[in-house]
Amino acid sequence: MNKFIVKLLVEVVFILFLFYANLLMGEFERSGAGQRNGLLWALGDIFTAANFLIGIIAALVAYIVFESLRKKL
């Protein structure tokens, strides 16, 4: 596989992991609904098509910004 594609995938998946970890922590800390309804409910609540689309767009934008900064510095 092309080195560029592998690097892109690794960084985008890592950013998605951080995004979903933050959403899951929010279910238990901020709203408290995760504590009342349980882990499976919280997972079902955060893994939606809208959240996935937001996460992918944010991850790609972050990748582009960080790559441009790496090249400049």
Protein backbone atom coordinates (compact mmCIF):
# COMPACT_ATOMS: atom_id res chain seq x y z
CA MET A 1 0.00 0.00 0.00
CA ASN A 2 1.10 3.51 -0.67
CA LYS A 3 2.90 5.12 2.29
CA PHE A 4 0.76 8.25 1.98
CA ILE A 5 -2.50 6.28 2.21
CA VAL A 6 -1.31 4.30 5.24
CA LYS A 7 -0.23 7.48 7.04
CA LEU A 8 -3.54 9.17 6.22
CA LEU A 9 -5.56 6.21 7.49
CA VAL A 10 -3.57 5.88 10.72
CA GLU A 11 -3.90 9.56 11.57
CA VAL A 12 -7.59 9.80 10.64
CA VAL A 13 -8.44 6.67 12.66
CA PHE A 14 -6.51 8.05 15.64
CA ILE A 15 -8.39 11.36 15.46
CA LEU A 16 -11.69 9.45 15.18
CA PHE A 17 -10.72 7.43 18.27
CA LEU A 18 -10.12 10.64 20.22
CA PHE A 19 -13.42 12.10 18.95
CA TYR A 20 -15.47 9.08 20.03
CA ALA A 21 -13.62 8.79 23.35
CA ASN A 22 -14.50 12.42 24.06
CA LEU A 23 -18.16 11.81 23.17
CA LEU A 24 -18.30 8.75 25.40
CA MET A 25 -16.73 10.59 28.32
CA GLY A 26 -19.30 13.34 27.81
CA GLU A 27 -22.14 10.83 28.14
CA PHE A 28 -20.89 9.89 31.59
CA GLU A 29 -19.60 13.22 32.86
CA ARG A 30 -21.53 16.14 31.36
CA SER A 31 -25.01 14.81 30.73
CA GLY A 32 -24.91 11.96 33.24
CA ALA A 33 -27.28 9.95 31.04
CA GLY A 34 -24.62 7.28 30.55
CA GLN A 35 -24.49 6.67 34.29
CA ARG A 36 -28.26 6.22 34.47
CA ASN A 37 -28.71 4.19 31.28
CA GLY A 38 -25.48 2.19 31.10
CA LEU A 39 -22.53 1.70 28.77
CA LEU A 40 -24.41 -0.02 25.94
CA TRP A 41 -26.93 2.81 25.80
CA ALA A 42 -24.11 5.38 25.73
CA LEU A 43 -22.35 3.54 22.91
CA GLY A 44 -25.57 3.40 20.92
CA ASP A 45 -26.14 7.09 21.53
CA ILE A 46 -22.73 8.21 20.25
CA PHE A 47 -22.31 5.88 17.25
CA THR A 48 -24.64 7.60 14.81
CA ALA A 49 -24.27 8.50 11.15
CA ALA A 50 -24.21 12.22 11.98
CA ASN A 51 -21.43 11.80 14.55
CA PHE A 52 -19.45 9.65 12.12
CA LEU A 53 -19.74 12.26 9.38
CA ILE A 54 -18.69 15.03 11.75
CA GLY A 55 -15.76 12.94 12.96
CA ILE A 56 -14.56 12.11 9.43
CA ILE A 57 -14.76 15.73 8.28
CA ALA A 58 -12.96 16.96 11.39
CA ALA A 59 -10.28 14.27 11.05
CA LEU A 60 -9.61 15.10 7.41
CA VAL A 61 -9.44 18.83 8.12
CA ALA A 62 -7.07 18.21 11.04
CA TYR A 63 -4.91 15.97 8.85
CA ILE A 64 -4.64 18.63 6.16
CA VAL A 65 -3.83 21.37 8.68
CA PHE A 66 -1.20 19.32 10.50
CA GLU A 67 0.43 18.16 7.26
CA SER A 68 0.69 21.74 6.02
CA LEU A 69 2.22 22.79 9.36
CA ARG A 70 4.71 19.92 9.21
CA LYS A 71 5.83 20.98 5.74
CA LYS A 72 6.20 24.64 6.75
CA LEU A 73 8.10 23.94 9.95
